[in-house]
Amino acid sequence: MKTEIKIQGLSKNQIKSLSSIAKERGFKSRNDLLLNIIEEFLKEDSLAPSADLYTVYLKEMIETEKLLLEKLNQKEKTLQDFEDRINRMNMLTARWLDYNEF
């Protein structure tokens, strides 16, 4: 059973624009265009709650990735500092050995 919905308040220019858009997009009529737009809207709206769940999950993943990257950068800096200290100790040990050679 098909139900009618009438849209009031559109100007003649708006109606002409709808006709042009319908023709450009390959619809048979303004009604087909509007029906398609409404169906798409309802489909997206019905998916909105699940999309929100994914959005929350993705935001949490982004925050986790940021924290992990920060920790990784801290560990990398600590490792670099450790490597610099070892190199400095090696250089000082080599100097000491050169100096104390008989």
N, C-alpha and C. Protein backbone atom coordinates (compact mmCIF):
# COMPACT_ATOMS: atom_id res chain seq x y z
N MET A 1 0.84 -1.18 0.00
CA MET A 1 0.00 0.00 0.00
C MET A 1 0.87 1.24 0.00
N LYS A 2 0.69 2.10 -0.98
CA LYS A 2 1.49 3.31 -1.08
C LYS A 2 0.75 4.46 -0.41
N THR A 3 1.50 5.25 0.30
CA THR A 3 0.93 6.40 0.99
C THR A 3 1.46 7.66 0.33
N GLU A 4 0.61 8.65 0.27
CA GLU A 4 1.02 9.91 -0.33
C GLU A 4 1.51 10.87 0.73
N ILE A 5 2.55 11.60 0.37
CA ILE A 5 3.04 12.70 1.20
C ILE A 5 3.15 13.90 0.28
N LYS A 6 2.59 15.00 0.69
CA LYS A 6 2.68 16.22 -0.10
C LYS A 6 3.63 17.18 0.61
N ILE A 7 4.46 17.83 -0.19
CA ILE A 7 5.40 18.80 0.35
C ILE A 7 4.90 20.19 -0.04
N GLN A 8 4.71 21.00 0.96
CA GLN A 8 4.23 22.35 0.71
C GLN A 8 5.33 23.36 0.99
N GLY A 9 5.24 24.50 0.33
CA GLY A 9 6.16 25.59 0.62
C GLY A 9 7.35 25.69 -0.32
N LEU A 10 7.40 24.87 -1.37
CA LEU A 10 8.49 24.97 -2.33
C LEU A 10 8.16 26.02 -3.38
N SER A 11 9.17 26.79 -3.74
CA SER A 11 8.97 27.79 -4.80
C SER A 11 9.05 27.11 -6.16
N LYS A 12 8.63 27.84 -7.20
CA LYS A 12 8.70 27.30 -8.56
C LYS A 12 10.15 27.02 -8.95
N ASN A 13 11.07 27.88 -8.51
CA ASN A 13 12.50 27.67 -8.82
C ASN A 13 13.01 26.39 -8.15
N GLN A 14 12.61 26.14 -6.94
CA GLN A 14 13.03 24.93 -6.24
C GLN A 14 12.49 23.68 -6.94
N ILE A 15 11.25 23.76 -7.39
CA ILE A 15 10.66 22.63 -8.11
C ILE A 15 11.38 22.40 -9.43
N LYS A 16 11.74 23.49 -10.14
CA LYS A 16 12.52 23.36 -11.38
C LYS A 16 13.88 22.74 -11.10
N SER A 17 14.50 23.18 -10.01
CA SER A 17 15.80 22.61 -9.63
C SER A 17 15.70 21.12 -9.37
N LEU A 18 14.65 20.71 -8.66
CA LEU A 18 14.45 19.28 -8.40
C LEU A 18 14.27 18.52 -9.71
N SER A 19 13.52 19.10 -10.64
CA SER A 19 13.32 18.45 -11.94
C SER A 19 14.64 18.30 -12.67
N SER A 20 15.46 19.35 -12.64
CA SER A 20 16.76 19.30 -13.32
C SER A 20 17.67 18.25 -12.69
N ILE A 21 17.70 18.23 -11.37
CA ILE A 21 18.55 17.26 -10.67
C ILE A 21 18.10 15.83 -10.98
N ALA A 22 16.78 15.64 -10.97
CA ALA A 22 16.24 14.30 -11.27
C ALA A 22 16.66 13.87 -12.67
N LYS A 23 16.56 14.78 -13.62
CA LYS A 23 16.93 14.47 -15.00
C LYS A 23 18.43 14.18 -15.10
N GLU A 24 19.27 15.01 -14.46
CA GLU A 24 20.73 14.83 -14.50
C GLU A 24 21.14 13.49 -13.92
N ARG A 25 20.47 13.08 -12.86
CA ARG A 25 20.84 11.84 -12.18
C ARG A 25 20.15 10.60 -12.75
N GLY A 26 19.34 10.81 -13.78
CA GLY A 26 18.74 9.67 -14.47
C GLY A 26 17.45 9.14 -13.85
N PHE A 27 16.79 9.93 -13.04
CA PHE A 27 15.52 9.50 -12.46
C PHE A 27 14.39 9.84 -13.43
N LYS A 28 13.33 9.07 -13.37
CA LYS A 28 12.20 9.27 -14.27
C LYS A 28 11.39 10.51 -13.89
N SER A 29 11.41 10.84 -12.59
CA SER A 29 10.60 11.96 -12.13
C SER A 29 11.18 12.55 -10.85
N ARG A 30 10.62 13.70 -10.46
CA ARG A 30 11.01 14.30 -9.17
C ARG A 30 10.65 13.35 -8.04
N ASN A 31 9.52 12.69 -8.19
CA ASN A 31 9.08 11.75 -7.15
C ASN A 31 10.11 10.64 -6.94
N ASP A 32 10.63 10.08 -8.04
CA ASP A 32 11.65 9.03 -7.91
C ASP A 32 12.90 9.55 -7.22
N LEU A 33 13.30 10.78 -7.58
CA LEU A 33 14.46 11.40 -6.93
C LEU A 33 14.23 11.55 -5.44
N LEU A 34 13.09 12.14 -5.08
CA LEU A 34 12.80 12.37 -3.67
C LEU A 34 12.64 11.06 -2.91
N LEU A 35 12.04 10.08 -3.54
CA LEU A 35 11.90 8.76 -2.92
C LEU A 35 13.27 8.16 -2.64
N ASN A 36 14.19 8.27 -3.60
CA ASN A 36 15.55 7.78 -3.42
C ASN A 36 16.26 8.50 -2.28
N ILE A 37 16.12 9.82 -2.25
CA ILE A 37 16.76 10.61 -1.18
C ILE A 37 16.22 10.20 0.18
N ILE A 38 14.92 10.03 0.28
CA ILE A 38 14.31 9.64 1.56
C ILE A 38 14.74 8.24 1.97
N GLU A 39 14.79 7.31 1.02
CA GLU A 39 15.24 5.95 1.33
C GLU A 39 16.68 5.94 1.83
N GLU A 40 17.54 6.71 1.18
CA GLU A 40 18.94 6.80 1.61
C GLU A 40 19.05 7.40 3.01
N PHE A 41 18.27 8.42 3.25
CA PHE A 41 18.26 9.06 4.57
C PHE A 41 17.84 8.07 5.65
N LEU A 42 16.76 7.34 5.38
CA LEU A 42 16.27 6.36 6.36
C LEU A 42 17.27 5.23 6.57
N LYS A 43 17.94 4.80 5.51
CA LYS A 43 18.94 3.74 5.63
C LYS A 43 20.11 4.22 6.49
N GLU A 44 20.59 5.44 6.23
CA GLU A 44 21.70 5.99 7.02
C GLU A 44 21.28 6.20 8.46
N ASP A 45 20.06 6.68 8.65
CA ASP A 45 19.58 6.94 10.01
C ASP A 45 19.45 5.64 10.80
N SER A 46 19.04 4.55 10.14
CA SER A 46 18.92 3.27 10.84
C SER A 46 20.28 2.71 11.20
N LEU A 47 21.32 3.11 10.46
CA LEU A 47 22.68 2.65 10.75
C LEU A 47 23.38 3.55 11.76
N ALA A 48 22.80 4.67 12.07
CA ALA A 48 23.45 5.66 12.94
C ALA A 48 23.87 5.09 14.29
N PRO A 49 23.02 4.34 15.00
CA PRO A 49 23.47 3.82 16.31
C PRO A 49 24.70 2.93 16.21
N SER A 50 24.75 2.05 15.20
CA SER A 50 25.93 1.19 15.06
C SER A 50 27.14 2.00 14.61
N ALA A 51 26.91 3.03 13.81
CA ALA A 51 28.02 3.88 13.39
C ALA A 51 28.61 4.60 14.59
N ASP A 52 27.74 5.00 15.53
CA ASP A 52 28.23 5.65 16.75
C ASP A 52 29.10 4.71 17.56
N LEU A 53 28.72 3.42 17.59
CA LEU A 53 29.54 2.45 18.32
C LEU A 53 30.93 2.35 17.71
N TYR A 54 30.98 2.30 16.39
CA TYR A 54 32.28 2.24 15.72
C TYR A 54 33.08 3.51 15.96
N THR A 55 32.41 4.64 15.97
CA THR A 55 33.09 5.92 16.20
C THR A 55 33.74 5.93 17.57
N VAL A 56 33.01 5.50 18.58
CA VAL A 56 33.55 5.45 19.94
C VAL A 56 34.75 4.50 19.98
N TYR A 57 34.59 3.32 19.38
CA TYR A 57 35.66 2.33 19.36
C TYR A 57 36.90 2.87 18.65
N LEU A 58 36.69 3.54 17.51
CA LEU A 58 37.82 4.09 16.76
C LEU A 58 38.51 5.21 17.53
N LYS A 59 37.74 6.03 18.21
CA LYS A 59 38.34 7.09 19.04
C LYS A 59 39.20 6.49 20.14
N GLU A 60 38.69 5.42 20.76
CA GLU A 60 39.48 4.74 21.79
C GLU A 60 40.76 4.16 21.21
N MET A 61 40.66 3.58 20.01
CA MET A 61 41.85 3.04 19.35
C MET A 61 42.86 4.14 19.07
N ILE A 62 42.40 5.29 18.63
CA ILE A 62 43.29 6.41 18.34
C ILE A 62 44.01 6.85 19.60
N GLU A 63 43.26 6.97 20.70
CA GLU A 63 43.88 7.37 21.97
C GLU A 63 44.91 6.33 22.43
N THR A 64 44.57 5.06 22.28
CA THR A 64 45.51 3.99 22.65
C THR A 64 46.77 4.06 21.80
N GLU A 65 46.59 4.27 20.49
CA GLU A 65 47.74 4.39 19.59
C GLU A 65 48.62 5.57 19.99
N LYS A 66 48.01 6.67 20.35
CA LYS A 66 48.78 7.85 20.77
C LYS A 66 49.59 7.55 22.01
N LEU A 67 48.97 6.88 22.98
CA LEU A 67 49.68 6.53 24.21
C LEU A 67 50.82 5.56 23.93
N LEU A 68 50.56 4.57 23.09
CA LEU A 68 51.61 3.61 22.74
C LEU A 68 52.77 4.29 22.02
N LEU A 69 52.45 5.19 21.12
CA LEU A 69 53.49 5.92 20.39
C LEU A 69 54.31 6.78 21.34
N GLU A 70 53.64 7.41 22.29
CA GLU A 70 54.35 8.22 23.28
C GLU A 70 55.29 7.35 24.11
N LYS A 71 54.79 6.19 24.56
CA LYS A 71 55.63 5.27 25.34
C LYS A 71 56.81 4.77 24.51
N LEU A 72 56.55 4.44 23.25
CA LEU A 72 57.60 3.97 22.37
C LEU A 72 58.67 5.05 22.18
N ASN A 73 58.25 6.29 22.01
CA ASN A 73 59.21 7.38 21.87
C ASN A 73 60.04 7.57 23.14
N GLN A 74 59.39 7.42 24.31
CA GLN A 74 60.12 7.51 25.57
C GLN A 74 61.15 6.39 25.68
N LYS A 75 60.76 5.17 25.33
CA LYS A 75 61.68 4.04 25.39
C LYS A 75 62.83 4.22 24.41
N GLU A 76 62.52 4.74 23.23
CA GLU A 76 63.55 4.98 22.23
C GLU A 76 64.56 6.01 22.73
N LYS A 77 64.07 7.07 23.39
CA LYS A 77 64.96 8.09 23.94
C LYS A 77 65.82 7.50 25.05
N THR A 78 65.22 6.68 25.91
CA THR A 78 65.97 6.04 26.98
C THR A 78 67.06 5.13 26.41
N LEU A 79 66.71 4.37 25.38
CA LEU A 79 67.68 3.49 24.74
C LEU A 79 68.81 4.30 24.09
N GLN A 80 68.48 5.39 23.45
CA GLN A 80 69.49 6.24 22.83
C GLN A 80 70.42 6.83 23.89
N ASP A 81 69.85 7.28 25.02
CA ASP A 81 70.68 7.80 26.12
C ASP A 81 71.61 6.72 26.65
N PHE A 82 71.10 5.51 26.80
CA PHE A 82 71.91 4.39 27.27
C PHE A 82 73.04 4.09 26.29
N GLU A 83 72.71 4.09 25.00
CA GLU A 83 73.72 3.84 23.98
C GLU A 83 74.80 4.93 23.98
N ASP A 84 74.39 6.17 24.16
CA ASP A 84 75.36 7.28 24.23
C ASP A 84 76.28 7.11 25.43
N ARG A 85 75.73 6.70 26.56
CA ARG A 85 76.55 6.50 27.75
C ARG A 85 77.56 5.37 27.55
N ILE A 86 77.11 4.28 26.93
CA ILE A 86 78.01 3.14 26.67
C ILE A 86 79.14 3.58 25.73
N ASN A 87 78.78 4.30 24.68
CA ASN A 87 79.81 4.78 23.75
C ASN A 87 80.81 5.69 24.46
N ARG A 88 80.29 6.56 25.33
CA ARG A 88 81.19 7.45 26.10
C ARG A 88 82.10 6.62 27.01
N MET A 89 81.53 5.60 27.67
CA MET A 89 82.36 4.75 28.54
C MET A 89 83.41 3.99 27.73
N ASN A 90 83.03 3.51 26.55
CA ASN A 90 83.99 2.81 25.69
C ASN A 90 85.13 3.75 25.28
N MET A 91 84.78 4.98 24.93
CA MET A 91 85.81 5.94 24.54
C MET A 91 86.75 6.24 25.71
N LEU A 92 86.18 6.45 26.89
CA LEU A 92 87.01 6.74 28.07
C LEU A 92 87.88 5.54 28.45
N THR A 93 87.31 4.33 28.33
CA THR A 93 88.09 3.13 28.64
C THR A 93 89.24 2.97 27.64
N ALA A 94 88.97 3.22 26.37
CA ALA A 94 90.02 3.13 25.35
C ALA A 94 91.12 4.14 25.64
N ARG A 95 90.74 5.36 25.99
CA ARG A 95 91.75 6.38 26.34
C ARG A 95 92.57 5.93 27.54
N TRP A 96 91.89 5.40 28.55
CA TRP A 96 92.58 4.99 29.76
C TRP A 96 93.57 3.87 29.45
N LEU A 97 93.13 2.90 28.59
CA LEU A 97 94.02 1.81 28.23
C LEU A 97 95.21 2.32 27.43
N ASP A 98 94.98 3.26 26.50
CA ASP A 98 96.09 3.86 25.73
C ASP A 98 97.06 4.59 26.65
N TYR A 99 96.54 5.28 27.62
CA TYR A 99 97.36 6.07 28.53
C TYR A 99 98.17 5.16 29.44
N ASN A 100 97.60 4.05 29.87
CA ASN A 100 98.26 3.15 30.82
C ASN A 100 99.07 2.06 30.15
N GLU A 101 99.20 2.08 28.84
CA GLU A 101 100.01 1.06 28.17
C GLU A 101 101.49 1.27 28.51
N PHE A 102 102.18 0.20 28.71
CA PHE A 102 103.60 0.31 29.07
C PHE A 102 104.43 0.12 27.86
